[in-house]
Amino acid sequence: MNFKEAIKVIRDVPDFPKKGIVFKDITPLFENIEAFEAILEELSKQIANNFDFNKFACIESRGFLLGSALAYKMKIPFVLIRKPGKLPGEVYKESYDLEYGSDSLELLKSSLNKEDNVLIIDDILATGGTVEAVEKLCQQSGASVSGTVCLMELGFLNGRKKLKKPFYAPITL
C-alpha cells in the first residue's frame, strides 16, 4: 500500500467531540498495518531529509502513537508531552486554547535540557494552540525546537501562523 492509498482510511466523525466539529479519525490507520507502515515511511523520509534534531517531543495521545513508532524506526529518543497530573516529578506547564475549549500540557523538567534540539510530533495541526504550547514548554526547558511534523493539517484553521519553527504535514485539508 502506498501513502495515497493509506490516507483513504482516515474517516470523518461529525459532531465529535462537540456539535459542529468534524473529527478526523486516524484510528483506522493503526488498525491497518499496511496503511500504518505507508504513513511511517512517508513521515520518516520527510523527517530525515528536512529536520536536524536529537529527540522527538510527542503530544498526548495520538502524537504518542505516531511518535513512538517513528522514534523506534529512526532510533531517536522521544519525550512525553502530557495532560496535567500524568507525569511523576517536577514539570513545566503551559496552557493553550483549542478550537473547542482550552487545556494545559506538561513536560518533565528532567526530560530536556539546553543540549537538546527537538522535533515536535502530533497527529493533526488545527488552530496551532497545542503545538505553540509545546514549543513554549521545550523553550522553558532550555531546549531548541527544530520544527513540527503532523500527519495532517486543517489548513482552513490557519494554525500554521502560530508556529515559530518549520512545519510539515503530508495531508492538508
Protein backbone atom coordinates (compact mmCIF):
# COMPACT_ATOMS: atom_id res chain seq x y z
CA MET A 1 0.00 0.00 0.00
CA ASN A 2 1.32 3.45 -0.85
CA PHE A 3 0.80 6.70 1.04
CA LYS A 4 -2.09 7.94 -1.13
CA GLU A 5 -3.95 4.67 -0.60
CA ALA A 6 -3.19 4.68 3.13
CA ILE A 7 -4.72 8.09 3.83
CA LYS A 8 -8.01 6.99 2.31
CA VAL A 9 -8.72 5.01 5.51
CA ILE A 10 -8.95 8.23 7.59
CA ARG A 11 -12.60 8.89 8.40
CA ASP A 12 -14.67 11.92 9.35
CA VAL A 13 -16.74 11.81 12.54
CA PRO A 14 -19.26 14.66 12.58
CA ASP A 15 -20.16 16.45 15.82
CA PHE A 16 -17.28 14.99 17.85
CA PRO A 17 -16.15 15.92 20.46
CA LYS A 18 -18.91 18.50 20.28
CA LYS A 19 -21.54 19.68 17.82
CA GLY A 20 -20.11 21.48 14.81
CA ILE A 21 -16.68 19.79 14.94
CA VAL A 22 -15.75 17.26 12.25
CA PHE A 23 -13.22 14.98 13.92
CA LYS A 24 -10.57 13.39 11.68
CA ASP A 25 -10.31 9.83 12.97
CA ILE A 26 -6.94 8.23 12.25
CA THR A 27 -7.81 5.08 14.24
CA PRO A 28 -8.22 3.06 11.02
CA LEU A 29 -4.55 3.81 10.17
CA PHE A 30 -3.44 1.95 13.28
CA GLU A 31 -5.85 -0.90 12.62
CA ASN A 32 -4.40 -1.48 9.15
CA ILE A 33 -0.71 -2.37 9.38
CA GLU A 34 -0.08 -1.70 5.68
CA ALA A 35 -1.59 1.78 5.97
CA PHE A 36 0.38 2.48 9.15
CA GLU A 37 3.60 1.31 7.52
CA ALA A 38 2.99 3.58 4.50
CA ILE A 39 2.38 6.56 6.78
CA LEU A 40 5.55 5.88 8.79
CA GLU A 41 7.61 5.55 5.59
CA GLU A 42 6.39 8.91 4.29
CA LEU A 43 6.88 10.73 7.60
CA SER A 44 10.31 9.23 8.38
CA LYS A 45 11.58 10.07 4.87
CA GLN A 46 10.48 13.71 5.17
CA ILE A 47 11.83 14.00 8.71
CA ALA A 48 15.24 12.57 7.80
CA ASN A 49 15.56 14.89 4.80
CA ASN A 50 14.30 18.12 6.35
CA PHE A 51 14.98 18.34 10.09
CA ASP A 52 18.06 18.33 12.34
CA PHE A 53 17.21 17.17 15.89
CA ASN A 54 18.17 14.66 18.59
CA LYS A 55 14.81 13.99 20.30
CA PHE A 56 11.15 13.81 19.45
CA ALA A 57 8.61 15.60 21.67
CA CYS A 58 5.35 13.67 21.26
CA ILE A 59 1.98 15.11 22.25
CA GLU A 60 -0.63 13.08 24.13
CA SER A 61 -2.27 10.95 22.97
CA ARG A 62 -2.36 10.30 19.25
CA GLY A 63 1.00 12.00 18.88
CA PHE A 64 2.38 9.21 21.09
CA LEU A 65 1.21 6.62 18.59
CA LEU A 66 2.96 8.22 15.64
CA GLY A 67 5.92 9.49 17.64
CA SER A 68 6.81 6.25 19.39
CA ALA A 69 6.71 4.31 16.10
CA LEU A 70 8.85 6.97 14.38
CA ALA A 71 11.27 7.04 17.32
CA TYR A 72 11.68 3.28 17.13
CA LYS A 73 12.04 3.26 13.34
CA MET A 74 14.52 6.16 13.29
CA LYS A 75 16.38 5.18 16.52
CA ILE A 76 15.75 8.56 18.13
CA PRO A 77 14.54 9.00 21.74
CA PHE A 78 11.26 10.73 22.50
CA VAL A 79 9.85 12.67 25.42
CA LEU A 80 6.24 12.74 26.52
CA ILE A 81 4.11 15.87 26.46
CA ARG A 82 1.11 15.06 28.67
CA LYS A 83 -2.05 16.49 30.16
CA PRO A 84 -1.71 17.81 33.73
CA GLY A 85 -1.14 15.39 36.59
CA LYS A 86 0.08 12.47 34.45
CA LEU A 87 3.86 12.86 34.81
CA PRO A 88 5.73 11.91 38.00
CA GLY A 89 8.09 14.66 39.15
CA GLU A 90 8.62 18.36 38.58
CA VAL A 91 7.10 19.68 35.37
CA TYR A 92 6.92 22.70 33.14
CA LYS A 93 3.31 23.63 32.39
CA GLU A 94 1.74 25.60 29.55
CA SER A 95 -1.92 26.44 28.93
CA TYR A 96 -3.42 26.97 25.48
CA ASP A 97 -6.68 27.37 23.57
CA LEU A 98 -8.24 24.69 21.37
CA GLU A 99 -10.79 25.06 18.59
CA TYR A 100 -13.37 23.79 21.12
CA GLY A 101 -12.07 24.94 24.54
CA SER A 102 -8.82 25.27 26.48
CA ASP A 103 -6.33 22.89 28.09
CA SER A 104 -2.82 22.57 29.52
CA LEU A 105 0.19 20.40 28.80
CA GLU A 106 3.18 19.39 30.88
CA LEU A 107 6.75 18.26 30.29
CA LEU A 108 9.00 16.66 32.90
CA LYS A 109 11.80 19.06 33.81
CA SER A 110 14.28 16.17 33.60
CA SER A 111 13.31 15.24 30.00
CA LEU A 112 15.02 18.04 28.07
CA ASN A 113 17.91 20.44 28.53
CA LYS A 114 19.87 23.08 26.61
CA GLU A 115 21.75 20.39 24.67
CA ASP A 116 18.54 19.10 23.09
CA ASN A 117 17.03 20.06 19.75
CA VAL A 118 13.56 18.55 19.44
CA LEU A 119 11.12 17.77 16.67
CA ILE A 120 7.51 18.00 17.81
CA ILE A 121 5.22 15.19 16.65
CA ASP A 122 1.42 15.23 16.69
CA ASP A 123 -1.37 13.83 14.58
CA ILE A 124 -3.21 16.96 13.42
CA LEU A 125 -2.46 20.67 13.36
CA ALA A 126 -5.73 22.54 13.85
CA THR A 127 -5.64 26.02 15.41
CA GLY A 128 -1.96 25.68 16.34
CA GLY A 129 -2.50 26.24 20.06
CA THR A 130 -1.30 22.80 21.12
CA VAL A 131 1.92 22.92 19.13
CA GLU A 132 2.54 26.52 20.17
CA ALA A 133 2.25 25.40 23.82
CA VAL A 134 4.73 22.57 23.21
CA GLU A 135 7.20 24.97 21.60
CA LYS A 136 6.97 27.07 24.77
CA LEU A 137 7.39 24.00 27.03
CA CYS A 138 10.54 23.00 25.16
CA GLN A 139 11.90 26.53 25.41
CA GLN A 140 11.22 26.57 29.18
CA SER A 141 13.49 23.52 29.46
CA GLY A 142 16.27 25.30 27.57
CA ALA A 143 15.92 23.02 24.54
CA SER A 144 15.71 24.25 20.96
CA VAL A 145 12.86 23.33 18.63
CA SER A 146 13.77 22.20 15.13
CA GLY A 147 10.18 22.12 13.90
CA THR A 148 6.92 20.20 13.94
CA VAL A 149 5.63 17.26 11.95
CA CYS A 150 1.98 16.24 11.91
CA LEU A 151 0.19 13.73 9.76
CA MET A 152 -2.50 16.24 8.83
CA GLU A 153 -3.09 19.99 8.80
CA LEU A 154 -6.52 21.56 8.87
CA GLY A 155 -5.35 24.49 6.75
CA PHE A 156 -8.64 26.38 6.93
CA LEU A 157 -7.99 26.97 10.66
CA ASN A 158 -4.67 28.78 9.93
CA GLY A 159 -2.84 27.08 12.81
CA ARG A 160 0.49 27.29 11.00
CA LYS A 161 0.52 31.06 11.62
CA LYS A 162 1.08 30.46 15.36
CA LEU A 163 4.17 28.30 14.85
CA LYS A 164 7.63 29.79 15.14
CA LYS A 165 9.51 26.90 13.51
CA PRO A 166 9.31 24.90 10.26
CA PHE A 167 6.26 22.70 9.83
CA TYR A 168 5.49 19.66 7.68
CA ALA A 169 2.29 17.70 7.14
CA PRO A 170 1.78 15.42 4.14
CA ILE A 171 -2.01 15.95 4.26
CA THR A 172 -3.64 19.39 4.19
CA LEU A 173 -7.41 19.76 4.32
